[in-house]
Amino acid sequence: MALGIKPDGRREILGFWLLGAEGESAGNWEEILKDLRRRGIQRVRIFITDDLSGLEEAIKKIFPEADWQLCVLHAVRDALNKVRKRDREALAETLKKIYRAESREEAEEALRNLRERWGTVYPQDRGALGNQSLCPSCVFMPP
C-alpha cells in the first residue's frame, strides 16, 4: 500500500498492490513506482518505507530527486534486535531522545550520545545504532 501526504497534511491512499509469485523484487517495485508516476505523481520529497529488497533502488531510479528513509519504527526494532536483552530497555530510552527531540540540534546531540554510549559496547552494530533512519536531518525534514 502506498500512502501519500499532501503539503497541507491531508493523507491519501495512492494504491494497493498484490505482488505475484516473484515477490518483492526491484522490478516489481519499479513497476509500482512507474504506475504512480503514470497516474500523476510528479514529485515526491521523501519515501518512508520498511527495508524491502529492491525498493530503495527502484525509488532512486524512478524518483531520483526523492529522499529515502527507513521507517523509524523499523529502525528502532532493528537496533533493539541487535543488542543483548538486558540492554534493550536502556537503548530504547536513548533512541527515544533522538526521535522525540524538539529540534534538530537536540536530536543531533542525542545521536552523538547514542554513538558514544553504545558504539563501544556494540562496535559490530554501529550501522544499526546510527543508521539513516535515526538521522536528525531526515527525522526533522518537513512534510
N, C-alpha and C. Protein backbone atom coordinates (compact mmCIF):
# COMPACT_ATOMS: atom_id res chain seq x y z
N MET A 1 0.85 -1.16 0.00
CA MET A 1 0.00 0.00 0.00
C MET A 1 0.89 1.23 0.00
N ALA A 2 0.50 2.21 -0.76
CA ALA A 2 1.22 3.49 -0.77
C ALA A 2 0.29 4.57 -0.23
N LEU A 3 0.79 5.34 0.71
CA LEU A 3 0.05 6.43 1.32
C LEU A 3 0.80 7.71 1.05
N GLY A 4 0.12 8.70 0.53
CA GLY A 4 0.74 9.99 0.27
C GLY A 4 0.25 11.01 1.27
N ILE A 5 1.13 11.95 1.58
CA ILE A 5 0.75 13.07 2.45
C ILE A 5 0.94 14.34 1.65
N LYS A 6 -0.14 15.07 1.45
CA LYS A 6 -0.10 16.29 0.66
C LYS A 6 0.52 17.43 1.47
N PRO A 7 0.94 18.51 0.80
CA PRO A 7 1.56 19.63 1.51
C PRO A 7 0.70 20.20 2.65
N ASP A 8 -0.62 20.10 2.52
CA ASP A 8 -1.49 20.63 3.57
C ASP A 8 -1.72 19.61 4.70
N GLY A 9 -1.06 18.43 4.61
CA GLY A 9 -1.16 17.43 5.66
C GLY A 9 -2.21 16.36 5.43
N ARG A 10 -3.05 16.53 4.41
CA ARG A 10 -4.06 15.50 4.14
C ARG A 10 -3.39 14.23 3.63
N ARG A 11 -3.91 13.10 4.04
CA ARG A 11 -3.38 11.80 3.62
C ARG A 11 -4.27 11.21 2.56
N GLU A 12 -3.63 10.50 1.64
CA GLU A 12 -4.38 9.91 0.53
C GLU A 12 -3.79 8.55 0.21
N ILE A 13 -4.63 7.53 0.12
CA ILE A 13 -4.16 6.22 -0.30
C ILE A 13 -3.94 6.29 -1.80
N LEU A 14 -2.72 6.01 -2.21
CA LEU A 14 -2.35 6.12 -3.62
C LEU A 14 -2.52 4.81 -4.37
N GLY A 15 -2.48 3.72 -3.67
CA GLY A 15 -2.65 2.44 -4.34
C GLY A 15 -2.39 1.28 -3.41
N PHE A 16 -2.82 0.13 -3.89
CA PHE A 16 -2.64 -1.12 -3.15
C PHE A 16 -2.32 -2.19 -4.17
N TRP A 17 -1.24 -2.92 -3.97
CA TRP A 17 -0.81 -3.90 -4.95
C TRP A 17 -0.56 -5.24 -4.28
N LEU A 18 -0.90 -6.30 -4.98
CA LEU A 18 -0.57 -7.66 -4.55
C LEU A 18 0.46 -8.17 -5.54
N LEU A 19 1.62 -8.55 -5.04
CA LEU A 19 2.69 -9.00 -5.91
C LEU A 19 2.57 -10.49 -6.13
N GLY A 20 2.94 -10.93 -7.31
CA GLY A 20 2.83 -12.34 -7.68
C GLY A 20 3.89 -13.21 -7.03
N ALA A 21 4.09 -14.36 -7.61
CA ALA A 21 5.00 -15.37 -7.06
C ALA A 21 6.44 -14.87 -6.98
N GLU A 22 6.81 -13.93 -7.85
CA GLU A 22 8.19 -13.43 -7.83
C GLU A 22 8.47 -12.57 -6.60
N GLY A 23 7.43 -12.14 -5.91
CA GLY A 23 7.60 -11.42 -4.65
C GLY A 23 8.04 -9.98 -4.80
N GLU A 24 8.68 -9.51 -3.78
CA GLU A 24 9.07 -8.11 -3.69
C GLU A 24 10.44 -7.90 -4.32
N SER A 25 10.47 -7.78 -5.62
CA SER A 25 11.72 -7.60 -6.33
C SER A 25 11.87 -6.14 -6.76
N ALA A 26 13.08 -5.77 -7.12
CA ALA A 26 13.33 -4.41 -7.60
C ALA A 26 12.46 -4.13 -8.83
N GLY A 27 12.30 -5.12 -9.70
CA GLY A 27 11.46 -4.95 -10.89
C GLY A 27 10.01 -4.66 -10.55
N ASN A 28 9.48 -5.37 -9.57
CA ASN A 28 8.09 -5.12 -9.15
C ASN A 28 7.94 -3.73 -8.55
N TRP A 29 8.89 -3.33 -7.70
CA TRP A 29 8.81 -2.00 -7.10
C TRP A 29 8.93 -0.93 -8.17
N GLU A 30 9.78 -1.17 -9.15
CA GLU A 30 9.93 -0.21 -10.22
C GLU A 30 8.61 -0.04 -10.99
N GLU A 31 7.93 -1.13 -11.26
CA GLU A 31 6.64 -1.05 -11.95
C GLU A 31 5.59 -0.31 -11.12
N ILE A 32 5.58 -0.54 -9.84
CA ILE A 32 4.64 0.16 -8.95
C ILE A 32 4.92 1.66 -8.99
N LEU A 33 6.18 2.04 -8.90
CA LEU A 33 6.54 3.46 -8.92
C LEU A 33 6.25 4.09 -10.28
N LYS A 34 6.47 3.34 -11.34
CA LYS A 34 6.11 3.84 -12.68
C LYS A 34 4.60 4.05 -12.78
N ASP A 35 3.84 3.13 -12.19
CA ASP A 35 2.38 3.27 -12.18
C ASP A 35 1.96 4.54 -11.45
N LEU A 36 2.58 4.82 -10.33
CA LEU A 36 2.27 6.06 -9.59
C LEU A 36 2.60 7.28 -10.45
N ARG A 37 3.73 7.24 -11.13
CA ARG A 37 4.13 8.35 -12.00
C ARG A 37 3.11 8.53 -13.14
N ARG A 38 2.70 7.41 -13.76
CA ARG A 38 1.70 7.47 -14.86
C ARG A 38 0.38 8.05 -14.38
N ARG A 39 0.04 7.79 -13.12
CA ARG A 39 -1.24 8.27 -12.60
C ARG A 39 -1.15 9.68 -12.04
N GLY A 40 -0.02 10.35 -12.24
CA GLY A 40 0.04 11.77 -11.93
C GLY A 40 0.94 12.21 -10.80
N ILE A 41 1.57 11.27 -10.11
CA ILE A 41 2.51 11.68 -9.06
C ILE A 41 3.74 12.26 -9.76
N GLN A 42 3.98 13.54 -9.54
CA GLN A 42 5.09 14.19 -10.23
C GLN A 42 6.30 14.38 -9.33
N ARG A 43 6.07 14.65 -8.07
CA ARG A 43 7.18 14.96 -7.16
C ARG A 43 6.94 14.28 -5.82
N VAL A 44 7.98 13.64 -5.35
CA VAL A 44 7.95 13.03 -4.03
C VAL A 44 9.15 13.56 -3.27
N ARG A 45 8.91 14.10 -2.10
CA ARG A 45 10.03 14.64 -1.31
C ARG A 45 10.76 13.55 -0.56
N ILE A 46 10.01 12.61 0.02
CA ILE A 46 10.65 11.55 0.80
C ILE A 46 9.77 10.31 0.79
N PHE A 47 10.41 9.17 0.65
CA PHE A 47 9.75 7.88 0.81
C PHE A 47 10.17 7.35 2.17
N ILE A 48 9.21 6.94 2.96
CA ILE A 48 9.50 6.30 4.24
C ILE A 48 8.92 4.90 4.14
N THR A 49 9.80 3.91 4.19
CA THR A 49 9.38 2.53 3.94
C THR A 49 10.04 1.59 4.93
N ASP A 50 9.60 0.34 4.88
CA ASP A 50 10.39 -0.66 5.57
C ASP A 50 11.51 -1.05 4.62
N ASP A 51 12.36 -1.95 5.01
CA ASP A 51 13.58 -2.24 4.25
C ASP A 51 13.37 -3.39 3.27
N LEU A 52 12.40 -3.22 2.38
CA LEU A 52 12.08 -4.26 1.42
C LEU A 52 13.13 -4.32 0.32
N SER A 53 13.47 -5.51 -0.06
CA SER A 53 14.51 -5.74 -1.06
C SER A 53 14.16 -5.04 -2.38
N GLY A 54 15.10 -4.24 -2.88
CA GLY A 54 14.93 -3.60 -4.17
C GLY A 54 14.18 -2.29 -4.17
N LEU A 55 13.52 -1.96 -3.07
CA LEU A 55 12.67 -0.76 -3.05
C LEU A 55 13.49 0.52 -3.13
N GLU A 56 14.54 0.62 -2.35
CA GLU A 56 15.35 1.84 -2.36
C GLU A 56 15.95 2.07 -3.75
N GLU A 57 16.42 1.02 -4.40
CA GLU A 57 16.99 1.15 -5.74
C GLU A 57 15.95 1.62 -6.75
N ALA A 58 14.74 1.07 -6.65
CA ALA A 58 13.66 1.48 -7.56
C ALA A 58 13.29 2.94 -7.35
N ILE A 59 13.26 3.37 -6.11
CA ILE A 59 12.96 4.78 -5.80
C ILE A 59 14.00 5.68 -6.46
N LYS A 60 15.27 5.34 -6.32
CA LYS A 60 16.35 6.15 -6.89
C LYS A 60 16.25 6.22 -8.41
N LYS A 61 15.75 5.17 -9.02
CA LYS A 61 15.64 5.14 -10.48
C LYS A 61 14.44 5.93 -10.98
N ILE A 62 13.28 5.78 -10.36
CA ILE A 62 12.04 6.39 -10.85
C ILE A 62 11.83 7.79 -10.29
N PHE A 63 12.20 8.01 -9.05
CA PHE A 63 12.07 9.33 -8.41
C PHE A 63 13.44 9.74 -7.86
N PRO A 64 14.41 10.02 -8.73
CA PRO A 64 15.78 10.28 -8.27
C PRO A 64 15.92 11.50 -7.35
N GLU A 65 14.98 12.42 -7.43
CA GLU A 65 15.05 13.62 -6.60
C GLU A 65 14.54 13.37 -5.17
N ALA A 66 13.91 12.24 -4.95
CA ALA A 66 13.32 11.94 -3.65
C ALA A 66 14.36 11.37 -2.69
N ASP A 67 14.18 11.69 -1.42
CA ASP A 67 14.98 11.07 -0.37
C ASP A 67 14.29 9.79 0.05
N TRP A 68 15.05 8.89 0.64
CA TRP A 68 14.52 7.64 1.17
C TRP A 68 14.94 7.52 2.62
N GLN A 69 14.02 7.05 3.44
CA GLN A 69 14.30 6.84 4.86
C GLN A 69 13.62 5.57 5.32
N LEU A 70 14.35 4.78 6.07
CA LEU A 70 13.74 3.62 6.71
C LEU A 70 12.82 4.12 7.80
N CYS A 71 11.65 3.55 7.89
CA CYS A 71 10.68 3.91 8.93
C CYS A 71 11.35 3.85 10.30
N VAL A 72 11.13 4.86 11.13
CA VAL A 72 11.76 4.92 12.45
C VAL A 72 11.39 3.69 13.27
N LEU A 73 10.16 3.24 13.18
CA LEU A 73 9.75 2.05 13.93
C LEU A 73 10.60 0.85 13.53
N HIS A 74 10.79 0.66 12.22
CA HIS A 74 11.60 -0.46 11.75
C HIS A 74 13.07 -0.29 12.16
N ALA A 75 13.58 0.94 12.11
CA ALA A 75 14.96 1.20 12.50
C ALA A 75 15.17 0.90 13.98
N VAL A 76 14.21 1.31 14.82
CA VAL A 76 14.32 1.06 16.26
C VAL A 76 14.25 -0.44 16.53
N ARG A 77 13.31 -1.12 15.91
CA ARG A 77 13.22 -2.58 16.09
C ARG A 77 14.52 -3.26 15.68
N ASP A 78 15.07 -2.83 14.55
CA ASP A 78 16.32 -3.42 14.06
C ASP A 78 17.43 -3.21 15.08
N ALA A 79 17.56 -1.99 15.58
CA ALA A 79 18.61 -1.70 16.57
C ALA A 79 18.40 -2.53 17.83
N LEU A 80 17.18 -2.61 18.32
CA LEU A 80 16.91 -3.35 19.55
C LEU A 80 17.13 -4.85 19.38
N ASN A 81 16.88 -5.36 18.19
CA ASN A 81 17.09 -6.79 17.94
C ASN A 81 18.57 -7.17 17.87
N LYS A 82 19.44 -6.17 17.74
CA LYS A 82 20.87 -6.46 17.59
C LYS A 82 21.65 -6.31 18.90
N VAL A 83 20.95 -6.05 19.99
CA VAL A 83 21.63 -5.91 21.27
C VAL A 83 21.15 -6.96 22.27
N ARG A 84 21.95 -7.15 23.31
CA ARG A 84 21.57 -8.11 24.34
C ARG A 84 20.25 -7.69 25.00
N LYS A 85 19.51 -8.68 25.41
CA LYS A 85 18.21 -8.44 26.03
C LYS A 85 18.31 -7.47 27.21
N ARG A 86 19.33 -7.61 28.01
CA ARG A 86 19.47 -6.77 29.21
C ARG A 86 19.73 -5.30 28.86
N ASP A 87 20.18 -5.01 27.63
CA ASP A 87 20.47 -3.64 27.21
C ASP A 87 19.31 -2.97 26.46
N ARG A 88 18.30 -3.72 26.13
CA ARG A 88 17.24 -3.19 25.26
C ARG A 88 16.48 -2.01 25.86
N GLU A 89 16.14 -2.10 27.12
CA GLU A 89 15.36 -1.00 27.72
C GLU A 89 16.17 0.29 27.76
N ALA A 90 17.44 0.19 28.14
CA ALA A 90 18.29 1.39 28.20
C ALA A 90 18.53 1.95 26.80
N LEU A 91 18.75 1.07 25.83
CA LEU A 91 18.94 1.54 24.46
C LEU A 91 17.66 2.19 23.94
N ALA A 92 16.52 1.62 24.24
CA ALA A 92 15.25 2.20 23.80
C ALA A 92 15.08 3.61 24.34
N GLU A 93 15.46 3.82 25.58
CA GLU A 93 15.38 5.17 26.17
C GLU A 93 16.31 6.14 25.45
N THR A 94 17.50 5.67 25.10
CA THR A 94 18.44 6.51 24.36
C THR A 94 17.88 6.85 22.98
N LEU A 95 17.30 5.87 22.31
CA LEU A 95 16.72 6.09 20.99
C LEU A 95 15.56 7.09 21.03
N LYS A 96 14.75 7.01 22.07
CA LYS A 96 13.62 7.93 22.20
C LYS A 96 14.07 9.39 22.22
N LYS A 97 15.23 9.63 22.81
CA LYS A 97 15.73 11.01 22.88
C LYS A 97 16.04 11.56 21.50
N ILE A 98 16.31 10.69 20.55
CA ILE A 98 16.57 11.14 19.18
C ILE A 98 15.26 11.46 18.48
N TYR A 99 14.38 10.47 18.39
CA TYR A 99 13.19 10.69 17.57
C TYR A 99 12.08 11.46 18.27
N ARG A 100 12.26 11.77 19.55
CA ARG A 100 11.30 12.64 20.23
C ARG A 100 11.87 14.04 20.50
N ALA A 101 13.04 14.30 19.96
CA ALA A 101 13.69 15.60 20.16
C ALA A 101 12.83 16.72 19.59
N GLU A 102 12.90 17.88 20.20
CA GLU A 102 12.11 19.03 19.78
C GLU A 102 12.79 19.85 18.69
N SER A 103 14.09 19.62 18.48
CA SER A 103 14.82 20.38 17.47
C SER A 103 15.88 19.49 16.83
N ARG A 104 16.37 19.94 15.69
CA ARG A 104 17.43 19.22 15.01
C ARG A 104 18.67 19.13 15.90
N GLU A 105 19.00 20.24 16.55
CA GLU A 105 20.19 20.27 17.40
C GLU A 105 20.08 19.27 18.55
N GLU A 106 18.91 19.23 19.15
CA GLU A 106 18.68 18.29 20.25
C GLU A 106 18.80 16.85 19.76
N ALA A 107 18.26 16.58 18.58
CA ALA A 107 18.34 15.23 18.01
C ALA A 107 19.77 14.86 17.66
N GLU A 108 20.53 15.80 17.09
CA GLU A 108 21.93 15.53 16.75
C GLU A 108 22.75 15.24 17.99
N GLU A 109 22.49 15.98 19.05
CA GLU A 109 23.18 15.73 20.32
C GLU A 109 22.82 14.35 20.86
N ALA A 110 21.55 13.99 20.80
CA ALA A 110 21.12 12.67 21.27
C ALA A 110 21.74 11.56 20.42
N LEU A 111 21.88 11.79 19.12
CA LEU A 111 22.51 10.80 18.25
C LEU A 111 24.00 10.65 18.60
N ARG A 112 24.68 11.76 18.86
CA ARG A 112 26.08 11.69 19.30
C ARG A 112 26.19 10.90 20.62
N ASN A 113 25.27 11.17 21.54
CA ASN A 113 25.28 10.45 22.82
C ASN A 113 25.04 8.95 22.62
N LEU A 114 24.15 8.62 21.70
CA LEU A 114 23.89 7.21 21.39
C LEU A 114 25.16 6.54 20.89
N ARG A 115 25.83 7.18 19.95
CA ARG A 115 27.05 6.59 19.39
C ARG A 115 28.15 6.47 20.44
N GLU A 116 28.28 7.48 21.29
CA GLU A 116 29.30 7.43 22.34
C GLU A 116 28.99 6.33 23.35
N ARG A 117 27.73 6.25 23.77
CA ARG A 117 27.33 5.28 24.80
C ARG A 117 27.33 3.85 24.28
N TRP A 118 26.77 3.62 23.10
CA TRP A 118 26.55 2.26 22.63
C TRP A 118 27.54 1.81 21.56
N GLY A 119 28.20 2.74 20.90
CA GLY A 119 29.13 2.38 19.83
C GLY A 119 30.30 1.54 20.31
N THR A 120 30.74 1.78 21.54
CA THR A 120 31.85 0.99 22.07
C THR A 120 31.37 -0.36 22.62
N VAL A 121 30.14 -0.41 23.06
CA VAL A 121 29.58 -1.67 23.58
C VAL A 121 29.25 -2.61 22.42
N TYR A 122 28.74 -2.04 21.33
CA TYR A 122 28.35 -2.83 20.16
C TYR A 122 29.02 -2.29 18.91
N PRO A 123 30.36 -2.37 18.83
CA PRO A 123 31.04 -1.80 17.66
C PRO A 123 30.66 -2.51 16.35
N GLN A 124 30.29 -3.76 16.41
CA GLN A 124 29.90 -4.50 15.22
C GLN A 124 28.55 -4.04 14.67
N ASP A 125 27.76 -3.35 15.46
CA ASP A 125 26.43 -2.90 15.05
C ASP A 125 26.34 -1.39 14.92
N ARG A 126 27.45 -0.75 14.67
CA ARG A 126 27.44 0.72 14.57
C ARG A 126 26.47 1.20 13.50
N GLY A 127 26.33 0.45 12.41
CA GLY A 127 25.39 0.85 11.36
C GLY A 127 23.97 0.88 11.86
N ALA A 128 23.57 -0.15 12.59
CA ALA A 128 22.20 -0.22 13.11
C ALA A 128 21.95 0.84 14.16
N LEU A 129 22.99 1.16 14.94
CA LEU A 129 22.81 2.12 16.03
C LEU A 129 22.87 3.56 15.55
N GLY A 130 23.34 3.78 14.35
CA GLY A 130 23.41 5.15 13.86
C GLY A 130 22.91 5.24 12.44
N ASN A 131 21.95 4.38 12.10
CA ASN A 131 21.54 4.32 10.70
C ASN A 131 20.76 5.56 10.28
N GLN A 132 20.57 5.68 8.98
CA GLN A 132 20.00 6.91 8.43
C GLN A 132 18.59 7.19 8.91
N SER A 133 17.88 6.21 9.39
CA SER A 133 16.52 6.48 9.85
C SER A 133 16.48 7.17 11.18
N LEU A 134 17.60 7.14 11.88
CA LEU A 134 17.67 7.87 13.13
C LEU A 134 18.34 9.22 12.89
N CYS A 135 18.65 9.48 11.64
CA CYS A 135 19.35 10.71 11.24
C CYS A 135 18.46 11.92 11.48
N PRO A 136 18.91 12.85 12.29
CA PRO A 136 18.08 14.02 12.58
C PRO A 136 17.71 14.84 11.34
N SER A 137 18.57 14.87 10.34
CA SER A 137 18.21 15.65 9.15
C SER A 137 17.02 15.04 8.44
N CYS A 138 16.85 13.71 8.57
CA CYS A 138 15.67 13.08 7.98
C CYS A 138 14.47 13.20 8.91
N VAL A 139 14.69 12.94 10.19
CA VAL A 139 13.60 12.99 11.14
C VAL A 139 12.95 14.37 11.15
N PHE A 140 13.75 15.42 10.99
CA PHE A 140 13.23 16.78 11.07
C PHE A 140 12.94 17.41 9.72
N MET A 141 12.98 16.61 8.63
CA MET A 141 12.64 17.15 7.33
C MET A 141 11.16 17.48 7.31
N PRO A 142 10.78 18.64 6.85
CA PRO A 142 9.35 18.99 6.83
C PRO A 142 8.59 18.10 5.86
N PRO A 143 7.30 17.87 6.12
CA PRO A 143 6.50 17.01 5.24
C PRO A 143 6.31 17.62 3.86
